[in-house]
Amino acid sequence: PKEIKRLAEEILKEPVSINMVAHEAFNTDIEQYFYVIEEWERADAV
């Protein structure tokens, strides 16, 4: 975020930048499920 970018400009000297987030696909080893419930059903659902 912009605050971290400003901090980096203050404390680092001509840093090398690496962005792994932009080049890595989302972790395919994680299956992602969702279940739609009513609010009062959370405890029973989990």
ModelCIF file with pLDDT and N, C-alpha, C, O atoms, coordinates in Angstrom:
data_MODEL
#
_entry.id   MODEL 
#
_entity.id                         1 
_entity.type                       polymer 
_entity.pdbx_number_of_molecules   1 
#
_entity_poly.entity_id                      1 
_entity_poly.type                           'polypeptide(L)' 
_entity_poly.nstd_linkage                   no 
_entity_poly.nstd_monomer                   no 
_entity_poly.pdbx_seq_one_letter_code       PKEIKRLAEEILKEPVSINMVAHEAFNTDIEQYFYVIEEWERADAV 
_entity_poly.pdbx_seq_one_letter_code_can   PKEIKRLAEEILKEPVSINMVAHEAFNTDIEQYFYVIEEWERADAV 
_entity_poly.pdbx_strand_id                 A 
#
loop_
_entity_poly_seq.entity_id 
_entity_poly_seq.num 
_entity_poly_seq.mon_id 
_entity_poly_seq.hetero 
1 1  PRO n 
1 2  LYS n 
1 3  GLU n 
1 4  ILE n 
1 5  LYS n 
1 6  ARG n 
1 7  LEU n 
1 8  ALA n 
1 9  GLU n 
1 10 GLU n 
1 11 ILE n 
1 12 LEU n 
1 13 LYS n 
1 14 GLU n 
1 15 PRO n 
1 16 VAL n 
1 17 SER n 
1 18 ILE n 
1 19 ASN n 
1 20 MET n 
1 21 VAL n 
1 22 ALA n 
1 23 HIS n 
1 24 GLU n 
1 25 ALA n 
1 26 PHE n 
1 27 ASN n 
1 28 THR n 
1 29 ASP n 
1 30 ILE n 
1 31 GLU n 
1 32 GLN n 
1 33 TYR n 
1 34 PHE n 
1 35 TYR n 
1 36 VAL n 
1 37 ILE n 
1 38 GLU n 
1 39 GLU n 
1 40 TRP n 
1 41 GLU n 
1 42 ARG n 
1 43 ALA n 
1 44 ASP n 
1 45 ALA n 
1 46 VAL n 
#
_struct_asym.id          A 
_struct_asym.entity_id   1 
#
loop_
_ma_qa_metric.id 
_ma_qa_metric.mode 
_ma_qa_metric.name 
_ma_qa_metric.software_group_id 
_ma_qa_metric.type 
1 global pLDDT . pLDDT 
2 local  pLDDT . pLDDT 
#
_ma_qa_metric_global.metric_id      1 
_ma_qa_metric_global.metric_value   85.48 
_ma_qa_metric_global.model_id       1 
_ma_qa_metric_global.ordinal_id     1 
#
loop_
_ma_qa_metric_local.label_asym_id 
_ma_qa_metric_local.label_comp_id 
_ma_qa_metric_local.label_seq_id 
_ma_qa_metric_local.metric_id 
_ma_qa_metric_local.metric_value 
_ma_qa_metric_local.model_id 
_ma_qa_metric_local.ordinal_id 
A PRO 1  2 85.00 1 1  
A LYS 2  2 89.00 1 2  
A GLU 3  2 92.00 1 3  
A ILE 4  2 91.00 1 4  
A LYS 5  2 92.00 1 5  
A ARG 6  2 93.00 1 6  
A LEU 7  2 94.00 1 7  
A ALA 8  2 94.00 1 8  
A GLU 9  2 94.00 1 9  
A GLU 10 2 94.00 1 10 
A ILE 11 2 95.00 1 11 
A LEU 12 2 95.00 1 12 
A LYS 13 2 95.00 1 13 
A GLU 14 2 94.00 1 14 
A PRO 15 2 95.00 1 15 
A VAL 16 2 95.00 1 16 
A SER 17 2 93.00 1 17 
A ILE 18 2 92.00 1 18 
A ASN 19 2 86.00 1 19 
A MET 20 2 79.00 1 20 
A VAL 21 2 65.00 1 21 
A ALA 22 2 53.00 1 22 
A HIS 23 2 48.00 1 23 
A GLU 24 2 48.00 1 24 
A ALA 25 2 48.00 1 25 
A PHE 26 2 55.00 1 26 
A ASN 27 2 58.00 1 27 
A THR 28 2 66.00 1 28 
A ASP 29 2 79.00 1 29 
A ILE 30 2 87.00 1 30 
A GLU 31 2 91.00 1 31 
A GLN 32 2 93.00 1 32 
A TYR 33 2 93.00 1 33 
A PHE 34 2 93.00 1 34 
A TYR 35 2 93.00 1 35 
A VAL 36 2 92.00 1 36 
A ILE 37 2 92.00 1 37 
A GLU 38 2 91.00 1 38 
A GLU 39 2 91.00 1 39 
A TRP 40 2 92.00 1 40 
A GLU 41 2 94.00 1 41 
A ARG 42 2 93.00 1 42 
A ALA 43 2 94.00 1 43 
A ASP 44 2 95.00 1 44 
A ALA 45 2 95.00 1 45 
A VAL 46 2 96.00 1 46 
#
loop_
_atom_site.group_PDB 
_atom_site.id 
_atom_site.type_symbol 
_atom_site.label_atom_id 
_atom_site.label_alt_id 
_atom_site.label_comp_id 
_atom_site.label_asym_id 
_atom_site.label_entity_id 
_atom_site.label_seq_id 
_atom_site.pdbx_PDB_ins_code 
_atom_site.Cartn_x 
_atom_site.Cartn_y 
_atom_site.Cartn_z 
_atom_site.occupancy 
_atom_site.B_iso_or_equiv 
_atom_site.pdbx_formal_charge 
_atom_site.auth_seq_id 
_atom_site.auth_comp_id 
_atom_site.auth_asym_id 
_atom_site.auth_atom_id 
_atom_site.pdbx_PDB_model_num 
ATOM 1   N N  . PRO A 1 1  ? 0.841   -1.202  0.000   1.00 85.00 ? 1  PRO A N  1 
ATOM 2   C CA . PRO A 1 1  ? 0.000   0.000   0.000   1.00 85.00 ? 1  PRO A CA 1 
ATOM 3   C C  . PRO A 1 1  ? 0.873   1.249   0.000   1.00 85.00 ? 1  PRO A C  1 
ATOM 4   O O  . PRO A 1 1  ? 2.086   1.174   0.200   1.00 85.00 ? 1  PRO A O  1 
ATOM 5   N N  . LYS A 1 2  ? 0.240   2.398   -0.228  1.00 89.00 ? 2  LYS A N  1 
ATOM 6   C CA . LYS A 1 2  ? 1.017   3.640   -0.390  1.00 89.00 ? 2  LYS A CA 1 
ATOM 7   C C  . LYS A 1 2  ? 1.847   3.979   0.842   1.00 89.00 ? 2  LYS A C  1 
ATOM 8   O O  . LYS A 1 2  ? 2.934   4.543   0.716   1.00 89.00 ? 2  LYS A O  1 
ATOM 9   N N  . GLU A 1 3  ? 1.345   3.639   2.045   1.00 92.00 ? 3  GLU A N  1 
ATOM 10  C CA . GLU A 1 3  ? 2.113   3.939   3.262   1.00 92.00 ? 3  GLU A CA 1 
ATOM 11  C C  . GLU A 1 3  ? 3.398   3.124   3.329   1.00 92.00 ? 3  GLU A C  1 
ATOM 12  O O  . GLU A 1 3  ? 4.436   3.629   3.758   1.00 92.00 ? 3  GLU A O  1 
ATOM 13  N N  . ILE A 1 4  ? 3.331   1.865   2.904   1.00 91.00 ? 4  ILE A N  1 
ATOM 14  C CA . ILE A 1 4  ? 4.529   1.023   2.886   1.00 91.00 ? 4  ILE A CA 1 
ATOM 15  C C  . ILE A 1 4  ? 5.487   1.501   1.809   1.00 91.00 ? 4  ILE A C  1 
ATOM 16  O O  . ILE A 1 4  ? 6.703   1.456   1.997   1.00 91.00 ? 4  ILE A O  1 
ATOM 17  N N  . LYS A 1 5  ? 4.953   1.959   0.681   1.00 92.00 ? 5  LYS A N  1 
ATOM 18  C CA . LYS A 1 5  ? 5.810   2.484   -0.378  1.00 92.00 ? 5  LYS A CA 1 
ATOM 19  C C  . LYS A 1 5  ? 6.578   3.705   0.106   1.00 92.00 ? 5  LYS A C  1 
ATOM 20  O O  . LYS A 1 5  ? 7.766   3.857   -0.181  1.00 92.00 ? 5  LYS A O  1 
ATOM 21  N N  . ARG A 1 6  ? 5.876   4.594   0.861   1.00 93.00 ? 6  ARG A N  1 
ATOM 22  C CA . ARG A 1 6  ? 6.549   5.775   1.405   1.00 93.00 ? 6  ARG A CA 1 
ATOM 23  C C  . ARG A 1 6  ? 7.610   5.380   2.417   1.00 93.00 ? 6  ARG A C  1 
ATOM 24  O O  . ARG A 1 6  ? 8.696   5.957   2.443   1.00 93.00 ? 6  ARG A O  1 
ATOM 25  N N  . LEU A 1 7  ? 7.295   4.392   3.254   1.00 94.00 ? 7  LEU A N  1 
ATOM 26  C CA . LEU A 1 7  ? 8.270   3.914   4.243   1.00 94.00 ? 7  LEU A CA 1 
ATOM 27  C C  . LEU A 1 7  ? 9.507   3.366   3.540   1.00 94.00 ? 7  LEU A C  1 
ATOM 28  O O  . LEU A 1 7  ? 10.633  3.643   3.951   1.00 94.00 ? 7  LEU A O  1 
ATOM 29  N N  . ALA A 1 8  ? 9.298   2.598   2.493   1.00 94.00 ? 8  ALA A N  1 
ATOM 30  C CA . ALA A 1 8  ? 10.427  2.026   1.747   1.00 94.00 ? 8  ALA A CA 1 
ATOM 31  C C  . ALA A 1 8  ? 11.316  3.129   1.184   1.00 94.00 ? 8  ALA A C  1 
ATOM 32  O O  . ALA A 1 8  ? 12.541  3.006   1.192   1.00 94.00 ? 8  ALA A O  1 
ATOM 33  N N  . GLU A 1 9  ? 10.708  4.200   0.697   1.00 94.00 ? 9  GLU A N  1 
ATOM 34  C CA . GLU A 1 9  ? 11.487  5.315   0.157   1.00 94.00 ? 9  GLU A CA 1 
ATOM 35  C C  . GLU A 1 9  ? 12.315  5.994   1.230   1.00 94.00 ? 9  GLU A C  1 
ATOM 36  O O  . GLU A 1 9  ? 13.388  6.526   0.943   1.00 94.00 ? 9  GLU A O  1 
ATOM 37  N N  . GLU A 1 10 ? 11.825  5.982   2.474   1.00 94.00 ? 10 GLU A N  1 
ATOM 38  C CA . GLU A 1 10 ? 12.537  6.615   3.589   1.00 94.00 ? 10 GLU A CA 1 
ATOM 39  C C  . GLU A 1 10 ? 13.715  5.784   4.086   1.00 94.00 ? 10 GLU A C  1 
ATOM 40  O O  . GLU A 1 10 ? 14.766  6.341   4.404   1.00 94.00 ? 10 GLU A O  1 
ATOM 41  N N  . ILE A 1 11 ? 13.563  4.466   4.159   1.00 95.00 ? 11 ILE A N  1 
ATOM 42  C CA . ILE A 1 11 ? 14.545  3.638   4.876   1.00 95.00 ? 11 ILE A CA 1 
ATOM 43  C C  . ILE A 1 11 ? 15.430  2.805   3.959   1.00 95.00 ? 11 ILE A C  1 
ATOM 44  O O  . ILE A 1 11 ? 16.416  2.238   4.430   1.00 95.00 ? 11 ILE A O  1 
ATOM 45  N N  . LEU A 1 12 ? 15.117  2.708   2.670   1.00 95.00 ? 12 LEU A N  1 
ATOM 46  C CA . LEU A 1 12 ? 15.915  1.889   1.758   1.00 95.00 ? 12 LEU A CA 1 
ATOM 47  C C  . LEU A 1 12 ? 16.674  2.768   0.775   1.00 95.00 ? 12 LEU A C  1 
ATOM 48  O O  . LEU A 1 12 ? 16.250  3.879   0.458   1.00 95.00 ? 12 LEU A O  1 
ATOM 49  N N  . LYS A 1 13 ? 17.816  2.248   0.292   1.00 95.00 ? 13 LYS A N  1 
ATOM 50  C CA . LYS A 1 13 ? 18.648  2.971   -0.658  1.00 95.00 ? 13 LYS A CA 1 
ATOM 51  C C  . LYS A 1 13 ? 18.694  2.193   -1.981  1.00 95.00 ? 13 LYS A C  1 
ATOM 52  O O  . LYS A 1 13 ? 19.251  1.097   -2.051  1.00 95.00 ? 13 LYS A O  1 
ATOM 53  N N  . GLU A 1 14 ? 18.099  2.779   -3.022  1.00 94.00 ? 14 GLU A N  1 
ATOM 54  C CA . GLU A 1 14 ? 18.103  2.191   -4.361  1.00 94.00 ? 14 GLU A CA 1 
ATOM 55  C C  . GLU A 1 14 ? 17.843  0.687   -4.313  1.00 94.00 ? 14 GLU A C  1 
ATOM 56  O O  . GLU A 1 14 ? 18.665  -0.105  -4.772  1.00 94.00 ? 14 GLU A O  1 
ATOM 57  N N  . PRO A 1 15 ? 16.688  0.294   -3.751  1.00 95.00 ? 15 PRO A N  1 
ATOM 58  C CA . PRO A 1 15 ? 16.432  -1.143  -3.571  1.00 95.00 ? 15 PRO A CA 1 
ATOM 59  C C  . PRO A 1 15 ? 16.111  -1.862  -4.879  1.00 95.00 ? 15 PRO A C  1 
ATOM 60  O O  . PRO A 1 15 ? 15.589  -1.273  -5.825  1.00 95.00 ? 15 PRO A O  1 
ATOM 61  N N  . VAL A 1 16 ? 16.438  -3.142  -4.901  1.00 95.00 ? 16 VAL A N  1 
ATOM 62  C CA . VAL A 1 16 ? 15.950  -4.040  -5.942  1.00 95.00 ? 16 VAL A CA 1 
ATOM 63  C C  . VAL A 1 16 ? 14.515  -4.407  -5.576  1.00 95.00 ? 16 VAL A C  1 
ATOM 64  O O  . VAL A 1 16 ? 14.216  -4.633  -4.403  1.00 95.00 ? 16 VAL A O  1 
ATOM 65  N N  . SER A 1 17 ? 13.635  -4.467  -6.556  1.00 93.00 ? 17 SER A N  1 
ATOM 66  C CA . SER A 1 17 ? 12.231  -4.826  -6.303  1.00 93.00 ? 17 SER A CA 1 
ATOM 67  C C  . SER A 1 17 ? 11.927  -6.196  -6.898  1.00 93.00 ? 17 SER A C  1 
ATOM 68  O O  . SER A 1 17 ? 12.280  -6.487  -8.041  1.00 93.00 ? 17 SER A O  1 
ATOM 69  N N  . ILE A 1 18 ? 11.266  -7.030  -6.099  1.00 92.00 ? 18 ILE A N  1 
ATOM 70  C CA . ILE A 1 18 ? 10.827  -8.350  -6.552  1.00 92.00 ? 18 ILE A CA 1 
ATOM 71  C C  . ILE A 1 18 ? 9.339   -8.453  -6.259  1.00 92.00 ? 18 ILE A C  1 
ATOM 72  O O  . ILE A 1 18 ? 8.910   -8.201  -5.133  1.00 92.00 ? 18 ILE A O  1 
ATOM 73  N N  . ASN A 1 19 ? 8.551   -8.817  -7.253  1.00 86.00 ? 19 ASN A N  1 
ATOM 74  C CA . ASN A 1 19 ? 7.112   -8.984  -7.048  1.00 86.00 ? 19 ASN A CA 1 
ATOM 75  C C  . ASN A 1 19 ? 6.720   -10.396 -7.463  1.00 86.00 ? 19 ASN A C  1 
ATOM 76  O O  . ASN A 1 19 ? 6.495   -10.672 -8.641  1.00 86.00 ? 19 ASN A O  1 
ATOM 77  N N  . MET A 1 20 ? 6.642   -11.282 -6.477  1.00 79.00 ? 20 MET A N  1 
ATOM 78  C CA . MET A 1 20 ? 6.256   -12.661 -6.757  1.00 79.00 ? 20 MET A CA 1 
ATOM 79  C C  . MET A 1 20 ? 4.742   -12.789 -6.888  1.00 79.00 ? 20 MET A C  1 
ATOM 80  O O  . MET A 1 20 ? 4.257   -13.704 -7.554  1.00 79.00 ? 20 MET A O  1 
ATOM 81  N N  . VAL A 1 21 ? 3.989   -11.886 -6.261  1.00 65.00 ? 21 VAL A N  1 
ATOM 82  C CA . VAL A 1 21 ? 2.534   -11.967 -6.286  1.00 65.00 ? 21 VAL A CA 1 
ATOM 83  C C  . VAL A 1 21 ? 2.009   -11.795 -7.703  1.00 65.00 ? 21 VAL A C  1 
ATOM 84  O O  . VAL A 1 21 ? 1.063   -12.471 -8.106  1.00 65.00 ? 21 VAL A O  1 
ATOM 85  N N  . ALA A 1 22 ? 2.620   -10.894 -8.453  1.00 53.00 ? 22 ALA A N  1 
ATOM 86  C CA . ALA A 1 22 ? 2.125   -10.602 -9.803  1.00 53.00 ? 22 ALA A CA 1 
ATOM 87  C C  . ALA A 1 22 ? 2.376   -11.743 -10.776 1.00 53.00 ? 22 ALA A C  1 
ATOM 88  O O  . ALA A 1 22 ? 1.695   -11.855 -11.796 1.00 53.00 ? 22 ALA A O  1 
ATOM 89  N N  . HIS A 1 23 ? 3.361   -12.597 -10.463 1.00 48.00 ? 23 HIS A N  1 
ATOM 90  C CA . HIS A 1 23 ? 3.755   -13.623 -11.429 1.00 48.00 ? 23 HIS A CA 1 
ATOM 91  C C  . HIS A 1 23 ? 3.354   -15.024 -11.029 1.00 48.00 ? 23 HIS A C  1 
ATOM 92  O O  . HIS A 1 23 ? 3.440   -15.948 -11.838 1.00 48.00 ? 23 HIS A O  1 
ATOM 93  N N  . GLU A 1 24 ? 2.913   -15.201 -9.780  1.00 48.00 ? 24 GLU A N  1 
ATOM 94  C CA . GLU A 1 24 ? 2.567   -16.542 -9.324  1.00 48.00 ? 24 GLU A CA 1 
ATOM 95  C C  . GLU A 1 24 ? 1.070   -16.773 -9.439  1.00 48.00 ? 24 GLU A C  1 
ATOM 96  O O  . GLU A 1 24 ? 0.262   -15.916 -9.082  1.00 48.00 ? 24 GLU A O  1 
ATOM 97  N N  . ALA A 1 25 ? 0.716   -17.947 -9.944  1.00 48.00 ? 25 ALA A N  1 
ATOM 98  C CA . ALA A 1 25 ? -0.686  -18.326 -9.967  1.00 48.00 ? 25 ALA A CA 1 
ATOM 99  C C  . ALA A 1 25 ? -1.123  -18.656 -8.540  1.00 48.00 ? 25 ALA A C  1 
ATOM 100 O O  . ALA A 1 25 ? -0.308  -18.979 -7.676  1.00 48.00 ? 25 ALA A O  1 
ATOM 101 N N  . PHE A 1 26 ? -2.443  -18.561 -8.324  1.00 55.00 ? 26 PHE A N  1 
ATOM 102 C CA . PHE A 1 26 ? -2.939  -18.883 -6.982  1.00 55.00 ? 26 PHE A CA 1 
ATOM 103 C C  . PHE A 1 26 ? -2.631  -20.335 -6.664  1.00 55.00 ? 26 PHE A C  1 
ATOM 104 O O  . PHE A 1 26 ? -2.600  -21.181 -7.558  1.00 55.00 ? 26 PHE A O  1 
ATOM 105 N N  . ASN A 1 27 ? -2.404  -20.621 -5.399  1.00 58.00 ? 27 ASN A N  1 
ATOM 106 C CA . ASN A 1 27 ? -2.016  -21.963 -4.952  1.00 58.00 ? 27 ASN A CA 1 
ATOM 107 C C  . ASN A 1 27 ? -3.061  -22.997 -5.374  1.00 58.00 ? 27 ASN A C  1 
ATOM 108 O O  . ASN A 1 27 ? -4.164  -23.035 -4.829  1.00 58.00 ? 27 ASN A O  1 
ATOM 109 N N  . THR A 1 28 ? -2.703  -23.831 -6.346  1.00 66.00 ? 28 THR A N  1 
ATOM 110 C CA . THR A 1 28 ? -3.650  -24.825 -6.858  1.00 66.00 ? 28 THR A CA 1 
ATOM 111 C C  . THR A 1 28 ? -3.764  -26.031 -5.947  1.00 66.00 ? 28 THR A C  1 
ATOM 112 O O  . THR A 1 28 ? -4.580  -26.918 -6.200  1.00 66.00 ? 28 THR A O  1 
ATOM 113 N N  . ASP A 1 29 ? -2.955  -26.085 -4.877  1.00 79.00 ? 29 ASP A N  1 
ATOM 114 C CA . ASP A 1 29 ? -3.061  -27.185 -3.928  1.00 79.00 ? 29 ASP A CA 1 
ATOM 115 C C  . ASP A 1 29 ? -4.185  -26.957 -2.925  1.00 79.00 ? 29 ASP A C  1 
ATOM 116 O O  . ASP A 1 29 ? -4.438  -27.815 -2.078  1.00 79.00 ? 29 ASP A O  1 
ATOM 117 N N  . ILE A 1 30 ? -4.864  -25.812 -3.007  1.00 87.00 ? 30 ILE A N  1 
ATOM 118 C CA . ILE A 1 30 ? -5.954  -25.510 -2.083  1.00 87.00 ? 30 ILE A CA 1 
ATOM 119 C C  . ILE A 1 30 ? -7.285  -25.563 -2.839  1.00 87.00 ? 30 ILE A C  1 
ATOM 120 O O  . ILE A 1 30 ? -7.511  -24.779 -3.761  1.00 87.00 ? 30 ILE A O  1 
ATOM 121 N N  . GLU A 1 31 ? -8.152  -26.478 -2.449  1.00 91.00 ? 31 GLU A N  1 
ATOM 122 C CA . GLU A 1 31 ? -9.511  -26.507 -2.970  1.00 91.00 ? 31 GLU A CA 1 
ATOM 123 C C  . GLU A 1 31 ? -10.353 -25.525 -2.161  1.00 91.00 ? 31 GLU A C  1 
ATOM 124 O O  . GLU A 1 31 ? -10.314 -25.525 -0.931  1.00 91.00 ? 31 GLU A O  1 
ATOM 125 N N  . GLN A 1 32 ? -11.111 -24.692 -2.864  1.00 93.00 ? 32 GLN A N  1 
ATOM 126 C CA . GLN A 1 32 ? -11.879 -23.652 -2.180  1.00 93.00 ? 32 GLN A CA 1 
ATOM 127 C C  . GLN A 1 32 ? -13.384 -23.890 -2.350  1.00 93.00 ? 32 GLN A C  1 
ATOM 128 O O  . GLN A 1 32 ? -13.907 -23.894 -3.464  1.00 93.00 ? 32 GLN A O  1 
ATOM 129 N N  . TYR A 1 33 ? -14.056 -24.087 -1.225  1.00 93.00 ? 33 TYR A N  1 
ATOM 130 C CA . TYR A 1 33 ? -15.491 -24.355 -1.208  1.00 93.00 ? 33 TYR A CA 1 
ATOM 131 C C  . TYR A 1 33 ? -16.217 -23.235 -0.468  1.00 93.00 ? 33 TYR A C  1 
ATOM 132 O O  . TYR A 1 33 ? -15.652 -22.590 0.414   1.00 93.00 ? 33 TYR A O  1 
ATOM 133 N N  . PHE A 1 34 ? -17.471 -23.015 -0.838  1.00 93.00 ? 34 PHE A N  1 
ATOM 134 C CA . PHE A 1 34 ? -18.303 -22.119 -0.041  1.00 93.00 ? 34 PHE A CA 1 
ATOM 135 C C  . PHE A 1 34 ? -19.693 -22.735 0.122   1.00 93.00 ? 34 PHE A C  1 
ATOM 136 O O  . PHE A 1 34 ? -20.187 -23.452 -0.748  1.00 93.00 ? 34 PHE A O  1 
ATOM 137 N N  . TYR A 1 35 ? -20.299 -22.431 1.265   1.00 93.00 ? 35 TYR A N  1 
ATOM 138 C CA . TYR A 1 35 ? -21.639 -22.916 1.584   1.00 93.00 ? 35 TYR A CA 1 
ATOM 139 C C  . TYR A 1 35 ? -22.484 -21.722 2.012   1.00 93.00 ? 35 TYR A C  1 
ATOM 140 O O  . TYR A 1 35 ? -22.072 -20.938 2.867   1.00 93.00 ? 35 TYR A O  1 
ATOM 141 N N  . VAL A 1 36 ? -23.655 -21.589 1.422   1.00 92.00 ? 36 VAL A N  1 
ATOM 142 C CA . VAL A 1 36 ? -24.536 -20.460 1.728   1.00 92.00 ? 36 VAL A CA 1 
ATOM 143 C C  . VAL A 1 36 ? -25.516 -20.883 2.815   1.00 92.00 ? 36 VAL A C  1 
ATOM 144 O O  . VAL A 1 36 ? -26.234 -21.873 2.673   1.00 92.00 ? 36 VAL A O  1 
ATOM 145 N N  . ILE A 1 37 ? -25.533 -20.122 3.894   1.00 92.00 ? 37 ILE A N  1 
ATOM 146 C CA . ILE A 1 37 ? -26.352 -20.430 5.062   1.00 92.00 ? 37 ILE A CA 1 
ATOM 147 C C  . ILE A 1 37 ? -27.067 -19.165 5.512   1.00 92.00 ? 37 ILE A C  1 
ATOM 148 O O  . ILE A 1 37 ? -26.786 -18.076 5.011   1.00 92.00 ? 37 ILE A O  1 
ATOM 149 N N  . GLU A 1 38 ? -27.991 -19.307 6.455   1.00 91.00 ? 38 GLU A N  1 
ATOM 150 C CA . GLU A 1 38 ? -28.551 -18.154 7.136   1.00 91.00 ? 38 GLU A CA 1 
ATOM 151 C C  . GLU A 1 38 ? -27.689 -17.844 8.362   1.00 91.00 ? 38 GLU A C  1 
ATOM 152 O O  . GLU A 1 38 ? -26.986 -18.720 8.866   1.00 91.00 ? 38 GLU A O  1 
ATOM 153 N N  . GLU A 1 39 ? -27.745 -16.624 8.831   1.00 91.00 ? 39 GLU A N  1 
ATOM 154 C CA . GLU A 1 39 ? -26.872 -16.180 9.915   1.00 91.00 ? 39 GLU A CA 1 
ATOM 155 C C  . GLU A 1 39 ? -26.953 -17.089 11.136  1.00 91.00 ? 39 GLU A C  1 
ATOM 156 O O  . GLU A 1 39 ? -25.931 -17.402 11.746  1.00 91.00 ? 39 GLU A O  1 
ATOM 157 N N  . TRP A 1 40 ? -28.160 -17.511 11.493  1.00 92.00 ? 40 TRP A N  1 
ATOM 158 C CA . TRP A 1 40 ? -28.339 -18.300 12.726  1.00 92.00 ? 40 TRP A CA 1 
ATOM 159 C C  . TRP A 1 40 ? -27.847 -19.745 12.583  1.00 92.00 ? 40 TRP A C  1 
ATOM 160 O O  . TRP A 1 40 ? -27.868 -20.501 13.554  1.00 92.00 ? 40 TRP A O  1 
ATOM 161 N N  . GLU A 1 41 ? -27.411 -20.128 11.398  1.00 94.00 ? 41 GLU A N  1 
ATOM 162 C CA . GLU A 1 41 ? -27.002 -21.519 11.167  1.00 94.00 ? 41 GLU A CA 1 
ATOM 163 C C  . GLU A 1 41 ? -25.489 -21.723 11.260  1.00 94.00 ? 41 GLU A C  1 
ATOM 164 O O  . GLU A 1 41 ? -25.012 -22.840 11.060  1.00 94.00 ? 41 GLU A O  1 
ATOM 165 N N  . ARG A 1 42 ? -24.732 -20.677 11.556  1.00 93.00 ? 42 ARG A N  1 
ATOM 166 C CA . ARG A 1 42 ? -23.273 -20.794 11.469  1.00 93.00 ? 42 ARG A CA 1 
ATOM 167 C C  . ARG A 1 42 ? -22.715 -21.924 12.331  1.00 93.00 ? 42 ARG A C  1 
ATOM 168 O O  . ARG A 1 42 ? -21.963 -22.766 11.840  1.00 93.00 ? 42 ARG A O  1 
ATOM 169 N N  . ALA A 1 43 ? -23.072 -21.945 13.594  1.00 94.00 ? 43 ALA A N  1 
ATOM 170 C CA . ALA A 1 43 ? -22.507 -22.951 14.499  1.00 94.00 ? 43 ALA A CA 1 
ATOM 171 C C  . ALA A 1 43 ? -22.881 -24.358 14.052  1.00 94.00 ? 43 ALA A C  1 
ATOM 172 O O  . ALA A 1 43 ? -22.024 -25.241 13.998  1.00 94.00 ? 43 ALA A O  1 
ATOM 173 N N  . ASP A 1 44 ? -24.164 -24.576 13.730  1.00 95.00 ? 44 ASP A N  1 
ATOM 174 C CA . ASP A 1 44 ? -24.589 -25.897 13.256  1.00 95.00 ? 44 ASP A CA 1 
ATOM 175 C C  . ASP A 1 44 ? -23.867 -26.272 11.964  1.00 95.00 ? 44 ASP A C  1 
ATOM 176 O O  . ASP A 1 44 ? -23.495 -27.429 11.766  1.00 95.00 ? 44 ASP A O  1 
ATOM 177 N N  . ALA A 1 45 ? -23.671 -25.287 11.089  1.00 95.00 ? 45 ALA A N  1 
ATOM 178 C CA . ALA A 1 45 ? -23.023 -25.553 9.802   1.00 95.00 ? 45 ALA A CA 1 
ATOM 179 C C  . ALA A 1 45 ? -21.577 -25.988 9.981   1.00 95.00 ? 45 ALA A C  1 
ATOM 180 O O  . ALA A 1 45 ? -21.144 -26.961 9.365   1.00 95.00 ? 45 ALA A O  1 
ATOM 181 N N  . VAL A 1 46 ? -20.821 -25.276 10.820  1.00 96.00 ? 46 VAL A N  1 
ATOM 182 C CA . VAL A 1 46 ? -19.408 -25.631 10.972  1.00 96.00 ? 46 VAL A CA 1 
ATOM 183 C C  . VAL A 1 46 ? -19.257 -26.982 11.661  1.00 96.00 ? 46 VAL A C  1 
ATOM 184 O O  . VAL A 1 46 ? -18.137 -27.445 11.874  1.00 96.00 ? 46 VAL A O  1 
#
